[in-house]
């Protein structure tokens, strides 16, 4: 797991995580996904749903607007 990846990928729900540099753990995760197509499909659906909910353009614009409202004084609200 590197950087912000664990914030984006939920281990066991939207993907499988392996420690950085651990080729064995990565191989095990890949084999699990190869051997379990139903799990792979379920994780894919869940990940897509999460991406749409959390990272859509509309969601990002709403977050940016909320931030601007906090930091930029505006007499009209």
C-alpha atoms as a PDB file:
ATOM      1  CA  UNK A   1       0.000   0.000   0.000  1.00  0.00           C
ATOM      2  CA  UNK A   2       1.478   3.277  -1.079  1.00  0.00           C
ATOM      3  CA  UNK A   3       0.487   6.874  -0.412  1.00  0.00           C
ATOM      4  CA  UNK A   4      -3.219   7.598  -0.487  1.00  0.00           C
ATOM      5  CA  UNK A   5      -4.220   4.304  -2.082  1.00  0.00           C
ATOM      6  CA  UNK A   6      -5.893   2.928   1.092  1.00  0.00           C
ATOM      7  CA  UNK A   7      -8.094   6.054   1.120  1.00  0.00           C
ATOM      8  CA  UNK A   8      -9.332   5.212  -2.372  1.00  0.00           C
ATOM      9  CA  UNK A   9      -9.468   1.411  -2.299  1.00  0.00           C
ATOM     10  CA  UNK A  10     -11.271  -0.426   0.477  1.00  0.00           C
ATOM     11  CA  UNK A  11      -9.504  -3.738   1.005  1.00  0.00           C
ATOM     12  CA  UNK A  12     -11.978  -6.512   0.327  1.00  0.00           C
ATOM     13  CA  UNK A  13     -14.776  -4.181  -0.804  1.00  0.00           C
ATOM     14  CA  UNK A  14     -13.527  -2.187  -3.792  1.00  0.00           C
ATOM     15  CA  UNK A  15     -10.270  -4.021  -4.367  1.00  0.00           C
ATOM     16  CA  UNK A  16      -7.430  -5.869  -2.716  1.00  0.00           C
ATOM     17  CA  UNK A  17      -4.423  -4.139  -1.199  1.00  0.00           C
ATOM     18  CA  UNK A  18      -0.915  -5.513  -0.852  1.00  0.00           C
ATOM     19  CA  UNK A  19       2.015  -3.982   1.035  1.00  0.00           C
ATOM     20  CA  UNK A  20       4.503  -2.099  -1.157  1.00  0.00           C
ATOM     21  CA  UNK A  21       7.299  -4.374  -2.292  1.00  0.00           C
ATOM     22  CA  UNK A  22       5.534  -7.589  -1.249  1.00  0.00           C
ATOM     23  CA  UNK A  23       5.391  -9.515  -4.526  1.00  0.00           C
ATOM     24  CA  UNK A  24       3.951 -12.576  -2.795  1.00  0.00           C
ATOM     25  CA  UNK A  25       1.006 -10.634  -1.378  1.00  0.00           C
ATOM     26  CA  UNK A  26       0.387  -9.023  -4.768  1.00  0.00           C
ATOM     27  CA  UNK A  27       0.488 -12.428  -6.491  1.00  0.00           C
ATOM     28  CA  UNK A  28      -1.951 -13.851  -3.913  1.00  0.00           C
ATOM     29  CA  UNK A  29      -4.354 -10.952  -4.456  1.00  0.00           C
ATOM     30  CA  UNK A  30      -4.203 -11.346  -8.238  1.00  0.00           C
ATOM     31  CA  UNK A  31      -4.759 -15.103  -8.020  1.00  0.00           C
ATOM     32  CA  UNK A  32      -7.750 -14.550  -5.768  1.00  0.00           C
ATOM     33  CA  UNK A  33      -9.287 -12.213  -8.338  1.00  0.00           C
ATOM     34  CA  UNK A  34      -8.508 -14.594 -11.209  1.00  0.00           C
ATOM     35  CA  UNK A  35     -10.035 -17.544  -9.363  1.00  0.00           C
ATOM     36  CA  UNK A  36     -13.126 -15.704  -8.097  1.00  0.00           C
ATOM     37  CA  UNK A  37     -14.872 -13.910 -10.975  1.00  0.00           C
ATOM     38  CA  UNK A  38     -17.969 -13.237  -8.869  1.00  0.00           C
ATOM     39  CA  UNK A  39     -15.899 -11.460  -6.216  1.00  0.00           C
ATOM     40  CA  UNK A  40     -14.025  -9.574  -8.931  1.00  0.00           C
ATOM     41  CA  UNK A  41     -17.287  -8.395 -10.509  1.00  0.00           C
ATOM     42  CA  UNK A  42     -18.787  -7.410  -7.150  1.00  0.00           C
ATOM     43  CA  UNK A  43     -15.693  -5.366  -6.235  1.00  0.00           C
ATOM     44  CA  UNK A  44     -15.796  -3.716  -9.653  1.00  0.00           C
ATOM     45  CA  UNK A  45     -19.436  -2.697  -9.240  1.00  0.00           C
ATOM     46  CA  UNK A  46     -18.835  -1.423  -5.714  1.00  0.00           C
ATOM     47  CA  UNK A  47     -15.747   0.525  -6.802  1.00  0.00           C
ATOM     48  CA  UNK A  48     -17.608   2.139  -9.703  1.00  0.00           C
ATOM     49  CA  UNK A  49     -20.501   3.138  -7.452  1.00  0.00           C
ATOM     50  CA  UNK A  50     -18.085   4.636  -4.921  1.00  0.00           C
ATOM     51  CA  UNK A  51     -16.214   6.518  -7.658  1.00  0.00           C
ATOM     52  CA  UNK A  52     -19.425   8.017  -9.002  1.00  0.00           C
ATOM     53  CA  UNK A  53     -20.613   9.003  -5.513  1.00  0.00           C
ATOM     54  CA  UNK A  54     -17.328  10.384  -4.179  1.00  0.00           C
ATOM     55  CA  UNK A  55     -15.366  11.543  -7.203  1.00  0.00           C
ATOM     56  CA  UNK A  56     -17.859  12.646  -9.866  1.00  0.00           C
ATOM     57  CA  UNK A  57     -17.424  16.061 -11.425  1.00  0.00           C
ATOM     58  CA  UNK A  58     -20.619  17.273  -9.752  1.00  0.00           C
ATOM     59  CA  UNK A  59     -19.366  16.138  -6.342  1.00  0.00           C
ATOM     60  CA  UNK A  60     -15.991  17.824  -6.880  1.00  0.00           C
ATOM     61  CA  UNK A  61     -17.650  21.073  -7.970  1.00  0.00           C
ATOM     62  CA  UNK A  62     -19.959  21.005  -4.933  1.00  0.00           C
ATOM     63  CA  UNK A  63     -16.937  20.507  -2.643  1.00  0.00           C
ATOM     64  CA  UNK A  64     -15.014  23.309  -4.330  1.00  0.00           C
ATOM     65  CA  UNK A  65     -17.971  25.683  -4.078  1.00  0.00           C
ATOM     66  CA  UNK A  66     -18.397  24.853  -0.381  1.00  0.00           C
ATOM     67  CA  UNK A  67     -14.704  25.563   0.191  1.00  0.00           C
ATOM     68  CA  UNK A  68     -14.907  28.888  -1.642  1.00  0.00           C
ATOM     69  CA  UNK A  69     -17.925  29.880   0.471  1.00  0.00           C
ATOM     70  CA  UNK A  70     -15.864  29.202   3.601  1.00  0.00           C
ATOM     71  CA  UNK A  71     -12.759  31.142   2.596  1.00  0.00           C
ATOM     72  CA  UNK A  72     -14.073  33.967   0.410  1.00  0.00           C
ATOM     73  CA  UNK A  73     -16.302  36.521   2.140  1.00  0.00           C
ATOM     74  CA  UNK A  74     -19.395  37.155   0.080  1.00  0.00           C
ATOM     75  CA  UNK A  75     -22.101  39.622   1.112  1.00  0.00           C
ATOM     76  CA  UNK A  76     -24.722  37.795  -0.973  1.00  0.00           C
ATOM     77  CA  UNK A  77     -25.654  34.257   0.038  1.00  0.00           C
END
